[in-house]
Amino acid sequence: SKLCSTQENILAGQDTRPCRYIAMDCEMVGGGQKHCEYSMLARCSIVNNHGNVIYDKYVKPMDTIVNFRTRYSGITPKDLRNAIDFSLVQKEVSQILKDRILIGHSIHNDLKVLFLSHPKRDIRDTAHYKPFKKVSQGKTPSLKKLANNILGLNIQQNTHDSVEDACIAMKLYQLHKREWETEIKLKERRILKRQRPDLSIKQLKKEVHVSTTNDQHKSANEKWKRRKLSRHRRRVV
C-alpha cells in the first residue's frame, strides 16, 4: 500500500489543505562542474498531518546539471521537461511554511537548497531528535533506518521519493508528538528560568503557554484573512 496520497487521491477528494503541522522533503541534483558540483533543487514535496500531498513540484535547474543523482534523487531528465522556475517554487513554499511547524529529516539541507529559513522553535527534525538516535548508537540515523526500526517499513528500495520521505518524517513525528512537544516546553521553561529567575514554576508554565497560544492565534488569524480574501475574490469574479 502507498504511504501517501497521490494525485489520484487528491482528485478523489482527499483533504489536501495545509495544517498547523507539515512535513517537507526535497530532491537535489548536482550542478556546476563535474569535479566541483553542488546541490540544486529539483523537486519539492510537502504533506499535511494526514499524510496527504499539498505540494509536489519539479524545479527547473538554475545551472547546468552534471549529475542527476538518480539512484538517490529519483530524478531523471524526463522529470524536468515541464519543471517550473525556481523563483516560483521558492515563493510558493515560503507561503506554505509561514507560521507552521515544519517537520523533516535533516531539514536544514532542504531549506538550504530553497534559500529559505524557518524559526528554529518551529522545526521538528527527525535526524536530531535524541530518542531516535538510539537506533544508530547515538549517531545521526538515516530516515531509512528510522522507518525500518521504528515504523517497520522498508523505504528507498530502489531510489528516493520526496513524497514518501516527507510522509515517513510526519509518521515518526506523530508517533512521538506528545513527548517531543513536552520536551520542547520544558526546554523553553529552563531558558526562561535563566532569563527570569524571579518567576515561579506556575508563572513559567503560564509564560510558555501564552507564547505558544499567541503563535497559534497568529496562525489562525492569518488563515482567516486568507479565507476572507479568497471569498472576496470569488464574489468579484
Protein backbone atom coordinates (compact mmCIF):
# COMPACT_ATOMS: atom_id res chain seq x y z
CA SER A 1 0.00 0.00 0.00
CA LYS A 2 1.16 3.53 -0.72
CA LEU A 3 2.26 5.65 2.21
CA CYS A 4 0.92 8.96 0.93
CA SER A 5 -1.80 10.33 -1.27
CA THR A 6 -1.01 10.55 -4.97
CA GLN A 7 -2.55 13.00 -7.45
CA GLU A 8 -5.37 10.46 -7.95
CA ASN A 9 -6.15 10.59 -4.23
CA ILE A 10 -6.18 14.37 -4.34
CA LEU A 11 -8.65 14.41 -7.22
CA ALA A 12 -10.75 11.84 -5.32
CA GLY A 13 -11.39 14.40 -2.58
CA GLN A 14 -8.64 13.86 -0.02
CA ASP A 15 -8.00 16.69 2.45
CA THR A 16 -5.03 18.46 0.87
CA ARG A 17 -5.22 21.68 2.91
CA PRO A 18 -2.09 22.82 4.77
CA CYS A 19 -2.41 22.19 8.52
CA ARG A 20 -0.53 23.59 11.51
CA TYR A 21 1.96 20.72 11.09
CA ILE A 22 3.51 19.96 7.69
CA ALA A 23 6.39 17.77 6.54
CA MET A 24 8.73 18.61 3.68
CA ASP A 25 11.40 16.82 1.68
CA CYS A 26 13.39 17.89 -1.36
CA GLU A 27 15.32 16.02 -4.04
CA MET A 28 18.52 17.51 -5.41
CA VAL A 29 20.70 17.13 -8.48
CA GLY A 30 24.35 18.08 -8.94
CA GLY A 31 25.10 21.35 -10.70
CA GLY A 32 28.19 23.30 -11.73
CA GLN A 33 31.21 21.30 -12.88
CA LYS A 34 31.92 17.57 -12.77
CA HIS A 35 34.69 17.71 -10.19
CA CYS A 36 33.17 20.58 -8.24
CA GLU A 37 29.42 20.01 -8.17
CA TYR A 38 26.94 21.47 -5.74
CA SER A 39 23.33 20.60 -4.85
CA MET A 40 20.47 22.21 -6.77
CA LEU A 41 16.76 21.83 -6.05
CA ALA A 42 14.98 19.51 -8.48
CA ARG A 43 11.80 18.55 -6.62
CA CYS A 44 9.99 19.77 -3.52
CA SER A 45 7.22 17.83 -1.79
CA ILE A 46 5.10 18.80 1.22
CA VAL A 47 2.45 16.73 3.03
CA ASN A 48 -0.02 17.72 5.72
CA ASN A 49 -0.56 15.91 9.01
CA HIS A 50 -2.98 13.50 7.32
CA GLY A 51 -0.15 12.38 5.03
CA ASN A 52 -1.85 13.95 2.01
CA VAL A 53 0.22 15.77 -0.61
CA ILE A 54 -0.34 19.53 -0.54
CA TYR A 55 2.61 20.45 -2.74
CA ASP A 56 4.77 18.43 -5.16
CA LYS A 57 6.60 20.18 -7.99
CA TYR A 58 9.66 19.63 -10.15
CA VAL A 59 12.03 22.56 -10.47
CA LYS A 60 13.97 23.94 -13.43
CA PRO A 61 17.72 23.76 -12.76
CA MET A 62 19.37 27.12 -12.17
CA ASP A 63 22.66 25.85 -13.62
CA THR A 64 23.99 23.06 -15.83
CA ILE A 65 23.21 19.62 -14.39
CA VAL A 66 26.32 17.46 -14.24
CA ASN A 67 24.84 14.66 -12.14
CA PHE A 68 21.17 13.70 -11.87
CA ARG A 69 21.96 11.50 -8.84
CA THR A 70 19.05 9.32 -9.94
CA ARG A 71 19.99 6.47 -7.58
CA TYR A 72 19.43 8.81 -4.62
CA SER A 73 17.19 11.56 -6.01
CA GLY A 74 14.88 9.57 -8.27
CA ILE A 75 15.22 12.46 -10.75
CA THR A 76 15.59 11.75 -14.48
CA PRO A 77 15.86 14.20 -17.43
CA LYS A 78 12.24 13.38 -18.31
CA ASP A 79 11.02 14.65 -14.92
CA LEU A 80 12.38 18.14 -15.56
CA ARG A 81 10.92 18.69 -19.03
CA ASN A 82 7.89 20.54 -17.67
CA ALA A 83 9.50 21.79 -14.47
CA ILE A 84 8.73 25.29 -13.17
CA ASP A 85 11.03 28.17 -12.29
CA PHE A 86 12.91 28.04 -9.00
CA SER A 87 11.75 31.52 -8.00
CA LEU A 88 8.09 30.47 -8.22
CA VAL A 89 8.68 27.31 -6.17
CA GLN A 90 10.60 29.29 -3.57
CA LYS A 91 7.76 31.82 -3.29
CA GLU A 92 5.02 29.18 -3.04
CA VAL A 93 6.90 27.08 -0.48
CA SER A 94 7.70 30.16 1.60
CA GLN A 95 3.98 30.97 1.80
CA ILE A 96 3.12 27.41 2.86
CA LEU A 97 5.79 27.33 5.57
CA LYS A 98 4.76 30.62 7.15
CA ASP A 99 3.53 30.26 10.77
CA ARG A 100 3.63 26.46 10.60
CA ILE A 101 5.52 23.69 12.37
CA LEU A 102 7.92 22.19 9.84
CA ILE A 103 8.85 18.52 10.07
CA GLY A 104 11.57 16.79 8.09
CA HIS A 105 14.76 14.74 8.15
CA SER A 106 17.92 16.88 8.13
CA ILE A 107 15.56 19.66 7.13
CA HIS A 108 18.38 22.26 7.08
CA ASN A 109 19.55 20.71 3.78
CA ASP A 110 16.12 21.23 2.22
CA LEU A 111 15.88 24.81 3.44
CA LYS A 112 19.40 25.46 2.18
CA VAL A 113 18.65 24.49 -1.45
CA LEU A 114 15.44 26.54 -1.27
CA PHE A 115 17.40 29.53 0.08
CA LEU A 116 14.83 29.83 2.85
CA SER A 117 14.97 29.98 6.64
CA HIS A 118 12.48 28.91 9.30
CA PRO A 119 12.25 29.71 13.03
CA LYS A 120 14.21 27.10 15.00
CA ARG A 121 11.42 26.68 17.55
CA ASP A 122 9.05 25.71 14.71
CA ILE A 123 11.26 22.93 13.33
CA ARG A 124 10.94 19.24 14.26
CA ASP A 125 13.89 17.37 12.74
CA THR A 126 13.75 13.57 12.94
CA ALA A 127 17.51 13.40 12.30
CA HIS A 128 18.27 15.28 15.52
CA TYR A 129 15.57 14.06 17.92
CA LYS A 130 17.59 12.36 20.68
CA PRO A 131 15.37 9.31 21.28
CA PHE A 132 15.67 8.42 17.57
CA LYS A 133 19.48 8.37 17.80
CA LYS A 134 19.27 5.21 19.90
CA VAL A 135 18.75 3.17 16.73
CA SER A 136 22.18 4.23 15.48
CA GLN A 137 24.16 4.16 18.74
CA GLY A 138 23.93 7.91 19.29
CA LYS A 139 24.84 8.89 15.74
CA THR A 140 22.56 10.67 13.30
CA PRO A 141 20.21 7.98 11.96
CA SER A 142 19.16 7.71 8.33
CA LEU A 143 15.47 8.06 7.53
CA LYS A 144 15.58 4.56 6.04
CA LYS A 145 16.83 3.15 9.34
CA LEU A 146 14.22 5.00 11.39
CA ALA A 147 11.44 3.82 9.08
CA ASN A 148 12.59 0.23 9.40
CA ASN A 149 13.36 0.14 13.13
CA ILE A 150 10.51 2.30 14.44
CA LEU A 151 7.74 2.00 11.85
CA GLY A 152 8.60 -1.43 10.46
CA LEU A 153 8.58 -0.04 6.91
CA ASN A 154 11.09 -0.59 4.11
CA ILE A 155 11.62 2.59 2.11
CA GLN A 156 14.11 3.82 -0.50
CA GLN A 157 14.39 0.34 -2.00
CA ASN A 158 15.47 1.37 -5.50
CA THR A 159 15.60 5.13 -5.22
CA HIS A 160 14.39 8.03 -3.07
CA ASP A 161 10.97 9.67 -3.35
CA SER A 162 10.43 13.03 -1.65
CA VAL A 163 6.71 12.42 -1.07
CA GLU A 164 7.41 9.11 0.64
CA ASP A 165 10.24 10.60 2.72
CA ALA A 166 8.07 13.53 3.85
CA CYS A 167 5.33 11.09 4.86
CA ILE A 168 7.76 8.96 6.88
CA ALA A 169 9.05 12.04 8.73
CA MET A 170 5.44 13.00 9.55
CA LYS A 171 4.62 9.49 10.79
CA LEU A 172 7.71 9.45 13.01
CA TYR A 173 6.83 12.83 14.49
CA GLN A 174 3.20 11.90 15.15
CA LEU A 175 4.29 8.72 16.91
CA HIS A 176 6.33 10.76 19.42
CA LYS A 177 4.46 14.07 19.24
CA ARG A 178 3.38 14.21 22.89
CA GLU A 179 6.86 13.51 24.33
CA TRP A 180 8.53 15.73 21.73
CA GLU A 181 6.33 18.75 22.44
CA THR A 182 6.61 18.24 26.21
CA GLU A 183 10.40 18.22 25.91
CA ILE A 184 10.34 21.48 23.94
CA LYS A 185 8.12 23.18 26.53
CA LEU A 186 10.42 22.05 29.36
CA LYS A 187 13.42 23.39 27.46
CA GLU A 188 11.68 26.73 26.94
CA ARG A 189 10.91 26.91 30.65
CA ARG A 190 14.56 26.25 31.54
CA ILE A 191 15.68 29.02 29.20
CA LEU A 192 13.05 31.39 30.58
CA LYS A 193 14.08 30.48 34.13
CA ARG A 194 17.65 31.55 33.40
CA GLN A 195 16.42 34.80 31.89
CA ARG A 196 13.79 35.42 34.62
CA PRO A 197 14.95 33.73 37.84
CA ASP A 198 12.26 35.64 39.75
CA LEU A 199 9.41 33.65 38.16
CA SER A 200 7.76 30.74 39.98
CA ILE A 201 7.13 27.37 38.28
CA LYS A 202 3.47 28.32 37.84
CA GLN A 203 4.43 31.61 36.20
CA LEU A 204 6.95 29.86 33.94
CA LYS A 205 4.27 27.44 32.73
CA LYS A 206 1.94 30.37 32.07
CA GLU A 207 4.58 32.32 30.12
CA VAL A 208 5.39 29.34 27.87
CA HIS A 209 1.67 28.61 27.36
CA VAL A 210 0.96 32.26 26.44
CA SER A 211 3.83 32.26 23.93
CA THR A 212 2.57 29.07 22.28
CA THR A 213 -1.05 30.26 22.28
CA ASN A 214 -0.10 33.60 20.71
CA ASP A 215 1.67 31.78 17.88
CA GLN A 216 -1.41 29.59 17.31
CA HIS A 217 -3.72 32.64 17.35
CA LYS A 218 -1.45 34.41 14.87
CA SER A 219 -1.59 31.39 12.57
CA ALA A 220 -5.39 31.18 12.90
CA ASN A 221 -5.76 34.91 12.14
CA GLU A 222 -3.60 34.59 9.03
CA LYS A 223 -5.72 31.61 7.89
CA TRP A 224 -8.96 33.59 8.48
CA LYS A 225 -7.62 36.54 6.48
CA ARG A 226 -6.68 34.28 3.55
CA ARG A 227 -10.15 32.70 3.53
CA LYS A 228 -11.83 36.12 3.67
CA LEU A 229 -9.70 37.36 0.76
CA SER A 230 -10.49 34.21 -1.23
CA ARG A 231 -14.26 34.67 -0.73
CA HIS A 232 -13.96 38.33 -1.74
CA ARG A 233 -12.13 37.41 -4.96
CA ARG A 234 -14.80 34.84 -5.86
CA ARG A 235 -17.54 37.47 -5.42
CA VAL A 236 -15.63 39.93 -7.61
CA VAL A 237 -15.19 37.32 -10.36
